[in-house]
Amino acid sequence: MSTIKVKKGTLLKLTKLVGYLTEKTGRRMTYDDVLQYLISRFESEEQIRDQGIDEATQRLLSRIEKSFPGAGPEDFKEYEYEDTGD
């Protein structure tokens, strides 16, 4: 274990991020978890930048990879054409 010094404002932001990630993941997060999360985000974004992908494409890729409740394959139903009134 090590101690790092951060400004009060930075600590407040880290604490908010701990709360956000705790709520998002459903498990208690630590400051170390948050720092690991930020490092992994930085490394993945750095890898994308190194591949020459622009920022708009990066945002699109991140949204494609994000899952949404109620939008899985089991939630799609085949359209019934009998109700078109023809």
PDB file of N, CA and C in Angstrom:
ATOM      1  N   MET A   1       0.833  -1.180   0.000  1.00  0.00           N
ATOM      2  CA  MET A   1       0.000   0.000   0.000  1.00  0.00           C
ATOM      3  C   MET A   1       0.879   1.247   0.000  1.00  0.00           C
ATOM      4  N   SER A   2       0.390   2.263  -0.654  1.00  0.00           N
ATOM      5  CA  SER A   2       1.089   3.537  -0.719  1.00  0.00           C
ATOM      6  C   SER A   2       0.101   4.658  -0.454  1.00  0.00           C
ATOM      7  N   THR A   3       0.625   5.788  -0.131  1.00  0.00           N
ATOM      8  CA  THR A   3      -0.187   6.978   0.082  1.00  0.00           C
ATOM      9  C   THR A   3       0.123   7.957  -1.037  1.00  0.00           C
ATOM     10  N   ILE A   4      -0.934   8.539  -1.595  1.00  0.00           N
ATOM     11  CA  ILE A   4      -0.738   9.583  -2.596  1.00  0.00           C
ATOM     12  C   ILE A   4      -1.461  10.837  -2.126  1.00  0.00           C
ATOM     13  N   LYS A   5      -0.911  11.990  -2.458  1.00  0.00           N
ATOM     14  CA  LYS A   5      -1.523  13.254  -2.069  1.00  0.00           C
ATOM     15  C   LYS A   5      -2.308  13.786  -3.258  1.00  0.00           C
ATOM     16  N   VAL A   6      -3.547  14.175  -2.984  1.00  0.00           N
ATOM     17  CA  VAL A   6      -4.391  14.779  -4.010  1.00  0.00           C
ATOM     18  C   VAL A   6      -5.077  15.994  -3.397  1.00  0.00           C
ATOM     19  N   LYS A   7      -5.464  16.918  -4.237  1.00  0.00           N
ATOM     20  CA  LYS A   7      -6.185  18.101  -3.767  1.00  0.00           C
ATOM     21  C   LYS A   7      -7.578  17.687  -3.302  1.00  0.00           C
ATOM     22  N   LYS A   8      -8.172  18.516  -2.456  1.00  0.00           N
ATOM     23  CA  LYS A   8      -9.502  18.208  -1.927  1.00  0.00           C
ATOM     24  C   LYS A   8     -10.531  18.070  -3.049  1.00  0.00           C
ATOM     25  N   GLY A   9     -10.422  18.918  -4.050  1.00  0.00           N
ATOM     26  CA  GLY A   9     -11.354  18.852  -5.174  1.00  0.00           C
ATOM     27  C   GLY A   9     -11.229  17.542  -5.939  1.00  0.00           C
ATOM     28  N   THR A  10      -9.992  17.076  -6.098  1.00  0.00           N
ATOM     29  CA  THR A  10      -9.748  15.803  -6.768  1.00  0.00           C
ATOM     30  C   THR A  10     -10.304  14.657  -5.948  1.00  0.00           C
ATOM     31  N   LEU A  11     -10.122  14.727  -4.638  1.00  0.00           N
ATOM     32  CA  LEU A  11     -10.657  13.695  -3.749  1.00  0.00           C
ATOM     33  C   LEU A  11     -12.179  13.659  -3.814  1.00  0.00           C
ATOM     34  N   LEU A  12     -12.806  14.812  -3.877  1.00  0.00           N
ATOM     35  CA  LEU A  12     -14.257  14.877  -3.990  1.00  0.00           C
ATOM     36  C   LEU A  12     -14.729  14.213  -5.282  1.00  0.00           C
ATOM     37  N   LYS A  13     -14.040  14.493  -6.385  1.00  0.00           N
ATOM     38  CA  LYS A  13     -14.402  13.879  -7.664  1.00  0.00           C
ATOM     39  C   LYS A  13     -14.197  12.366  -7.634  1.00  0.00           C
ATOM     40  N   LEU A  14     -13.101  11.919  -7.031  1.00  0.00           N
ATOM     41  CA  LEU A  14     -12.857  10.481  -6.906  1.00  0.00           C
ATOM     42  C   LEU A  14     -13.936   9.817  -6.059  1.00  0.00           C
ATOM     43  N   THR A  15     -14.340  10.483  -4.993  1.00  0.00           N
ATOM     44  CA  THR A  15     -15.378   9.941  -4.117  1.00  0.00           C
ATOM     45  C   THR A  15     -16.702   9.821  -4.871  1.00  0.00           C
ATOM     46  N   LYS A  16     -17.033  10.827  -5.670  1.00  0.00           N
ATOM     47  CA  LYS A  16     -18.253  10.764  -6.484  1.00  0.00           C
ATOM     48  C   LYS A  16     -18.170   9.612  -7.475  1.00  0.00           C
ATOM     49  N   LEU A  17     -16.995   9.409  -8.049  1.00  0.00           N
ATOM     50  CA  LEU A  17     -16.814   8.316  -9.001  1.00  0.00           C
ATOM     51  C   LEU A  17     -16.915   6.959  -8.298  1.00  0.00           C
ATOM     52  N   VAL A  18     -16.421   6.865  -7.070  1.00  0.00           N
ATOM     53  CA  VAL A  18     -16.571   5.637  -6.288  1.00  0.00           C
ATOM     54  C   VAL A  18     -18.057   5.337  -6.112  1.00  0.00           C
ATOM     55  N   GLY A  19     -18.830   6.343  -5.753  1.00  0.00           N
ATOM     56  CA  GLY A  19     -20.274   6.165  -5.583  1.00  0.00           C
ATOM     57  C   GLY A  19     -20.965   5.776  -6.874  1.00  0.00           C
ATOM     58  N   TYR A  20     -20.607   6.444  -7.956  1.00  0.00           N
ATOM     59  CA  TYR A  20     -21.212   6.143  -9.257  1.00  0.00           C
ATOM     60  C   TYR A  20     -20.925   4.708  -9.679  1.00  0.00           C
ATOM     61  N   LEU A  21     -19.666   4.299  -9.583  1.00  0.00           N
ATOM     62  CA  LEU A  21     -19.300   2.940  -9.998  1.00  0.00           C
ATOM     63  C   LEU A  21     -19.872   1.887  -9.053  1.00  0.00           C
ATOM     64  N   THR A  22     -20.006   2.219  -7.768  1.00  0.00           N
ATOM     65  CA  THR A  22     -20.648   1.304  -6.820  1.00  0.00           C
ATOM     66  C   THR A  22     -22.093   1.071  -7.233  1.00  0.00           C
ATOM     67  N   GLU A  23     -22.790   2.156  -7.581  1.00  0.00           N
ATOM     68  CA  GLU A  23     -24.186   2.037  -8.017  1.00  0.00           C
ATOM     69  C   GLU A  23     -24.284   1.286  -9.343  1.00  0.00           C
ATOM     70  N   LYS A  24     -23.388   1.596 -10.256  1.00  0.00           N
ATOM     71  CA  LYS A  24     -23.424   0.994 -11.592  1.00  0.00           C
ATOM     72  C   LYS A  24     -23.126  -0.509 -11.554  1.00  0.00           C
ATOM     73  N   THR A  25     -22.152  -0.915 -10.742  1.00  0.00           N
ATOM     74  CA  THR A  25     -21.753  -2.323 -10.712  1.00  0.00           C
ATOM     75  C   THR A  25     -22.528  -3.138  -9.687  1.00  0.00           C
ATOM     76  N   GLY A  26     -23.125  -2.465  -8.696  1.00  0.00           N
ATOM     77  CA  GLY A  26     -23.859  -3.180  -7.665  1.00  0.00           C
ATOM     78  C   GLY A  26     -22.959  -3.797  -6.603  1.00  0.00           C
ATOM     79  N   ARG A  27     -21.710  -3.428  -6.597  1.00  0.00           N
ATOM     80  CA  ARG A  27     -20.797  -3.908  -5.553  1.00  0.00           C
ATOM     81  C   ARG A  27     -19.974  -2.741  -5.043  1.00  0.00           C
ATOM     82  N   ARG A  28     -19.518  -2.861  -3.825  1.00  0.00           N
ATOM     83  CA  ARG A  28     -18.750  -1.779  -3.204  1.00  0.00           C
ATOM     84  C   ARG A  28     -17.417  -1.609  -3.924  1.00  0.00           C
ATOM     85  N   MET A  29     -17.138  -0.382  -4.296  1.00  0.00           N
ATOM     86  CA  MET A  29     -15.905  -0.059  -4.989  1.00  0.00           C
ATOM     87  C   MET A  29     -14.973   0.685  -4.034  1.00  0.00           C
ATOM     88  N   THR A  30     -13.687   0.571  -4.292  1.00  0.00           N
ATOM     89  CA  THR A  30     -12.675   1.275  -3.507  1.00  0.00           C
ATOM     90  C   THR A  30     -12.011   2.325  -4.397  1.00  0.00           C
ATOM     91  N   TYR A  31     -11.205   3.163  -3.772  1.00  0.00           N
ATOM     92  CA  TYR A  31     -10.450   4.139  -4.561  1.00  0.00           C
ATOM     93  C   TYR A  31      -9.502   3.425  -5.527  1.00  0.00           C
ATOM     94  N   ASP A  32      -8.938   2.317  -5.097  1.00  0.00           N
ATOM     95  CA  ASP A  32      -8.059   1.549  -5.976  1.00  0.00           C
ATOM     96  C   ASP A  32      -8.838   1.028  -7.188  1.00  0.00           C
ATOM     97  N   ASP A  33     -10.067   0.549  -6.969  1.00  0.00           N
ATOM     98  CA  ASP A  33     -10.904   0.091  -8.080  1.00  0.00           C
ATOM     99  C   ASP A  33     -11.141   1.221  -9.078  1.00  0.00           C
ATOM    100  N   VAL A  34     -11.408   2.405  -8.558  1.00  0.00           N
ATOM    101  CA  VAL A  34     -11.660   3.563  -9.426  1.00  0.00           C
ATOM    102  C   VAL A  34     -10.409   3.925 -10.212  1.00  0.00           C
ATOM    103  N   LEU A  35      -9.266   3.918  -9.549  1.00  0.00           N
ATOM    104  CA  LEU A  35      -8.025   4.229 -10.263  1.00  0.00           C
ATOM    105  C   LEU A  35      -7.734   3.176 -11.335  1.00  0.00           C
ATOM    106  N   GLN A  36      -7.968   1.900 -11.042  1.00  0.00           N
ATOM    107  CA  GLN A  36      -7.783   0.840 -12.036  1.00  0.00           C
ATOM    108  C   GLN A  36      -8.743   1.039 -13.209  1.00  0.00           C
ATOM    109  N   TYR A  37      -9.978   1.416 -12.918  1.00  0.00           N
ATOM    110  CA  TYR A  37     -10.971   1.696 -13.960  1.00  0.00           C
ATOM    111  C   TYR A  37     -10.504   2.835 -14.865  1.00  0.00           C
ATOM    112  N   LEU A  38     -10.035   3.916 -14.256  1.00  0.00           N
ATOM    113  CA  LEU A  38      -9.568   5.062 -15.045  1.00  0.00           C
ATOM    114  C   LEU A  38      -8.344   4.712 -15.881  1.00  0.00           C
ATOM    115  N   ILE A  39      -7.436   3.939 -15.312  1.00  0.00           N
ATOM    116  CA  ILE A  39      -6.244   3.516 -16.057  1.00  0.00           C
ATOM    117  C   ILE A  39      -6.637   2.652 -17.241  1.00  0.00           C
ATOM    118  N   SER A  40      -7.554   1.711 -17.036  1.00  0.00           N
ATOM    119  CA  SER A  40      -7.957   0.838 -18.143  1.00  0.00           C
ATOM    120  C   SER A  40      -8.674   1.630 -19.233  1.00  0.00           C
ATOM    121  N   ARG A  41      -9.500   2.613 -18.837  1.00  0.00           N
ATOM    122  CA  ARG A  41     -10.157   3.472 -19.836  1.00  0.00           C
ATOM    123  C   ARG A  41      -9.123   4.247 -20.641  1.00  0.00           C
ATOM    124  N   PHE A  42      -8.128   4.788 -19.959  1.00  0.00           N
ATOM    125  CA  PHE A  42      -7.072   5.534 -20.627  1.00  0.00           C
ATOM    126  C   PHE A  42      -6.324   4.641 -21.608  1.00  0.00           C
ATOM    127  N   GLU A  43      -5.960   3.442 -21.156  1.00  0.00           N
ATOM    128  CA  GLU A  43      -5.200   2.531 -22.015  1.00  0.00           C
ATOM    129  C   GLU A  43      -6.004   2.096 -23.232  1.00  0.00           C
ATOM    130  N   SER A  44      -7.306   1.837 -23.057  1.00  0.00           N
ATOM    131  CA  SER A  44      -8.104   1.417 -24.212  1.00  0.00           C
ATOM    132  C   SER A  44      -8.286   2.573 -25.191  1.00  0.00           C
ATOM    133  N   GLU A  45      -8.484   3.790 -24.681  1.00  0.00           N
ATOM    134  CA  GLU A  45      -8.604   4.948 -25.560  1.00  0.00           C
ATOM    135  C   GLU A  45      -7.281   5.246 -26.255  1.00  0.00           C
ATOM    136  N   GLU A  46      -6.187   5.054 -25.543  1.00  0.00           N
ATOM    137  CA  GLU A  46      -4.862   5.265 -26.132  1.00  0.00           C
ATOM    138  C   GLU A  46      -4.621   4.264 -27.260  1.00  0.00           C
ATOM    139  N   GLN A  47      -5.047   3.031 -27.048  1.00  0.00           N
ATOM    140  CA  GLN A  47      -4.885   2.002 -28.075  1.00  0.00           C
ATOM    141  C   GLN A  47      -5.695   2.356 -29.320  1.00  0.00           C
ATOM    142  N   ILE A  48      -6.894   2.860 -29.133  1.00  0.00           N
ATOM    143  CA  ILE A  48      -7.732   3.263 -30.265  1.00  0.00           C
ATOM    144  C   ILE A  48      -7.084   4.431 -30.999  1.00  0.00           C
ATOM    145  N   ARG A  49      -6.572   5.411 -30.239  1.00  0.00           N
ATOM    146  CA  ARG A  49      -5.910   6.559 -30.873  1.00  0.00           C
ATOM    147  C   ARG A  49      -4.697   6.113 -31.676  1.00  0.00           C
ATOM    148  N   ASP A  50      -3.965   5.138 -31.150  1.00  0.00           N
ATOM    149  CA  ASP A  50      -2.791   4.626 -31.852  1.00  0.00           C
ATOM    150  C   ASP A  50      -3.157   3.941 -33.156  1.00  0.00           C
ATOM    151  N   GLN A  51      -4.384   3.450 -33.248  1.00  0.00           N
ATOM    152  CA  GLN A  51      -4.838   2.792 -34.471  1.00  0.00           C
ATOM    153  C   GLN A  51      -5.312   3.801 -35.516  1.00  0.00           C
ATOM    154  N   GLY A  52      -5.332   5.082 -35.156  1.00  0.00           N
ATOM    155  CA  GLY A  52      -5.704   6.121 -36.101  1.00  0.00           C
ATOM    156  C   GLY A  52      -7.199   6.322 -36.252  1.00  0.00           C
ATOM    157  N   ILE A  53      -7.980   5.945 -35.249  1.00  0.00           N
ATOM    158  CA  ILE A  53      -9.434   6.113 -35.314  1.00  0.00           C
ATOM    159  C   ILE A  53      -9.771   7.476 -34.717  1.00  0.00           C
ATOM    160  N   ASP A  54     -10.615   8.246 -35.422  1.00  0.00           N
ATOM    161  CA  ASP A  54     -10.956   9.577 -34.935  1.00  0.00           C
ATOM    162  C   ASP A  54     -11.946   9.506 -33.764  1.00  0.00           C
ATOM    163  N   GLU A  55     -12.171  10.647 -33.119  1.00  0.00           N
ATOM    164  CA  GLU A  55     -12.986  10.692 -31.895  1.00  0.00           C
ATOM    165  C   GLU A  55     -14.437  10.278 -32.150  1.00  0.00           C
ATOM    166  N   ALA A  56     -15.020  10.690 -33.269  1.00  0.00           N
ATOM    167  CA  ALA A  56     -16.408  10.326 -33.569  1.00  0.00           C
ATOM    168  C   ALA A  56     -16.557   8.817 -33.720  1.00  0.00           C
ATOM    169  N   THR A  57     -15.605   8.181 -34.381  1.00  0.00           N
ATOM    170  CA  THR A  57     -15.636   6.725 -34.538  1.00  0.00           C
ATOM    171  C   THR A  57     -15.457   6.045 -33.192  1.00  0.00           C
ATOM    172  N   GLN A  58     -14.613   6.602 -32.336  1.00  0.00           N
ATOM    173  CA  GLN A  58     -14.430   6.058 -30.990  1.00  0.00           C
ATOM    174  C   GLN A  58     -15.742   6.072 -30.216  1.00  0.00           C
ATOM    175  N   ARG A  59     -16.468   7.200 -30.284  1.00  0.00           N
ATOM    176  CA  ARG A  59     -17.752   7.298 -29.577  1.00  0.00           C
ATOM    177  C   ARG A  59     -18.747   6.294 -30.131  1.00  0.00           C
ATOM    178  N   LEU A  60     -18.784   6.143 -31.447  1.00  0.00           N
ATOM    179  CA  LEU A  60     -19.687   5.181 -32.069  1.00  0.00           C
ATOM    180  C   LEU A  60     -19.364   3.763 -31.612  1.00  0.00           C
ATOM    181  N   LEU A  61     -18.090   3.405 -31.617  1.00  0.00           N
ATOM    182  CA  LEU A  61     -17.687   2.069 -31.187  1.00  0.00           C
ATOM    183  C   LEU A  61     -18.043   1.823 -29.727  1.00  0.00           C
ATOM    184  N   SER A  62     -17.866   2.825 -28.872  1.00  0.00           N
ATOM    185  CA  SER A  62     -18.193   2.638 -27.456  1.00  0.00           C
ATOM    186  C   SER A  62     -19.697   2.455 -27.268  1.00  0.00           C
ATOM    187  N   ARG A  63     -20.509   3.116 -28.078  1.00  0.00           N
ATOM    188  CA  ARG A  63     -21.965   2.948 -27.967  1.00  0.00           C
ATOM    189  C   ARG A  63     -22.414   1.612 -28.531  1.00  0.00           C
ATOM    190  N   ILE A  64     -21.744   1.128 -29.553  1.00  0.00           N
ATOM    191  CA  ILE A  64     -22.082  -0.178 -30.122  1.00  0.00           C
ATOM    192  C   ILE A  64     -21.804  -1.271 -29.102  1.00  0.00           C
ATOM    193  N   GLU A  65     -20.707  -1.140 -28.361  1.00  0.00           N
ATOM    194  CA  GLU A  65     -20.315  -2.162 -27.392  1.00  0.00           C
ATOM    195  C   GLU A  65     -21.154  -2.116 -26.126  1.00  0.00           C
ATOM    196  N   LYS A  66     -21.839  -0.990 -25.869  1.00  0.00           N
ATOM    197  CA  LYS A  66     -22.633  -0.838 -24.654  1.00  0.00           C
ATOM    198  C   LYS A  66     -23.950  -1.594 -24.808  1.00  0.00           C
ATOM    199  N   SER A  67     -24.325  -2.337 -23.779  1.00  0.00           N
ATOM    200  CA  SER A  67     -25.590  -3.064 -23.832  1.00  0.00           C
ATOM    201  C   SER A  67     -26.685  -2.246 -23.154  1.00  0.00           C
ATOM    202  N   PHE A  68     -27.909  -2.471 -23.571  1.00  0.00           N
ATOM    203  CA  PHE A  68     -29.059  -1.773 -23.027  1.00  0.00           C
ATOM    204  C   PHE A  68     -30.107  -2.797 -22.606  1.00  0.00           C
ATOM    205  N   PRO A  69     -30.709  -2.623 -21.432  1.00  0.00           N
ATOM    206  CA  PRO A  69     -31.752  -3.565 -21.021  1.00  0.00           C
ATOM    207  C   PRO A  69     -32.955  -3.469 -21.957  1.00  0.00           C
ATOM    208  N   GLY A  70     -33.511  -4.607 -22.316  1.00  0.00           N
ATOM    209  CA  GLY A  70     -34.669  -4.636 -23.206  1.00  0.00           C
ATOM    210  C   GLY A  70     -34.308  -4.547 -24.670  1.00  0.00           C
ATOM    211  N   ALA A  71     -33.032  -4.684 -25.004  1.00  0.00           N
ATOM    212  CA  ALA A  71     -32.614  -4.575 -26.398  1.00  0.00           C
ATOM    213  C   ALA A  71     -31.800  -5.786 -26.816  1.00  0.00           C
ATOM    214  N   GLY A  72     -32.043  -6.918 -26.181  1.00  0.00           N
ATOM    215  CA  GLY A  72     -31.340  -8.142 -26.546  1.00  0.00           C
ATOM    216  C   GLY A  72     -32.085  -8.892 -27.637  1.00  0.00           C
ATOM    217  N   PRO A  73     -31.460  -9.901 -28.209  1.00  0.00           N
ATOM    218  CA  PRO A  73     -32.096 -10.662 -29.281  1.00  0.00           C
ATOM    219  C   PRO A  73     -33.435 -11.269 -28.872  1.00  0.00           C
ATOM    220  N   GLU A  74     -33.555 -11.623 -27.596  1.00  0.00           N
ATOM    221  CA  GLU A  74     -34.801 -12.229 -27.142  1.00  0.00           C
ATOM    222  C   GLU A  74     -35.944 -11.219 -27.057  1.00  0.00           C
ATOM    223  N   ASP A  75     -35.635  -9.912 -27.144  1.00  0.00           N
ATOM    224  CA  ASP A  75     -36.650  -8.880 -27.034  1.00  0.00           C
ATOM    225  C   ASP A  75     -37.251  -8.479 -28.388  1.00  0.00           C
ATOM    226  N   PHE A  76     -36.659  -8.943 -29.476  1.00  0.00           N
ATOM    227  CA  PHE A  76     -37.168  -8.595 -30.793  1.00  0.00           C
ATOM    228  C   PHE A  76     -38.196  -9.623 -31.245  1.00  0.00           C
ATOM    229  N   LYS A  77     -39.284  -9.123 -31.809  1.00  0.00           N
ATOM    230  CA  LYS A  77     -40.347 -10.007 -32.276  1.00  0.00           C
ATOM    231  C   LYS A  77     -40.535  -9.787 -33.775  1.00  0.00           C
ATOM    232  N   GLU A  78     -40.897 -10.831 -34.456  1.00  0.00           N
ATOM    233  CA  GLU A  78     -41.148 -10.719 -35.882  1.00  0.00           C
ATOM    234  C   GLU A  78     -42.422  -9.912 -36.110  1.00  0.00           C
ATOM    235  N   TYR A  79     -42.394  -9.054 -37.109  1.00  0.00           N
ATOM    236  CA  TYR A  79     -43.525  -8.182 -37.400  1.00  0.00           C
ATOM    237  C   TYR A  79     -44.690  -8.983 -37.965  1.00  0.00           C
ATOM    238  N   GLU A  80     -45.901  -8.681 -37.491  1.00  0.00           N
ATOM    239  CA  GLU A  80     -47.106  -9.328 -38.001  1.00  0.00           C
ATOM    240  C   GLU A  80     -47.679  -8.466 -39.118  1.00  0.00           C
ATOM    241  N   TYR A  81     -47.699  -8.974 -40.332  1.00  0.00           N
ATOM    242  CA  TYR A  81     -48.162  -8.205 -41.480  1.00  0.00           C
ATOM    243  C   TYR A  81     -49.675  -8.212 -41.640  1.00  0.00           C
ATOM    244  N   GLU A  82     -50.393  -9.025 -40.846  1.00  0.00           N
ATOM    245  CA  GLU A  82     -51.848  -9.094 -40.961  1.00  0.00           C
ATOM    246  C   GLU A  82     -52.520  -7.803 -40.526  1.00  0.00           C
ATOM    247  N   ASP A  83     -51.875  -6.980 -39.739  1.00  0.00           N
ATOM    248  CA  ASP A  83     -52.513  -5.772 -39.221  1.00  0.00           C
ATOM    249  C   ASP A  83     -52.265  -4.543 -40.099  1.00  0.00           C
ATOM    250  N   THR A  84     -51.804  -4.705 -41.337  1.00  0.00           N
ATOM    251  CA  THR A  84     -51.530  -3.564 -42.201  1.00  0.00           C
ATOM    252  C   THR A  84     -52.787  -3.028 -42.879  1.00  0.00           C
ATOM    253  N   GLY A  85     -53.878  -3.768 -42.858  1.00  0.00           N
ATOM    254  CA  GLY A  85     -55.129  -3.312 -43.410  1.00  0.00           C
ATOM    255  C   GLY A  85     -55.279  -3.497 -44.905  1.00  0.00           C
ATOM    256  N   ASP A  86     -54.421  -4.262 -45.534  1.00  0.00           N
ATOM    257  CA  ASP A  86     -54.531  -4.475 -46.991  1.00  0.00           C
ATOM    258  C   ASP A  86     -55.576  -5.508 -47.320  1.00  0.00           C
TER     259      ASP A  86
END
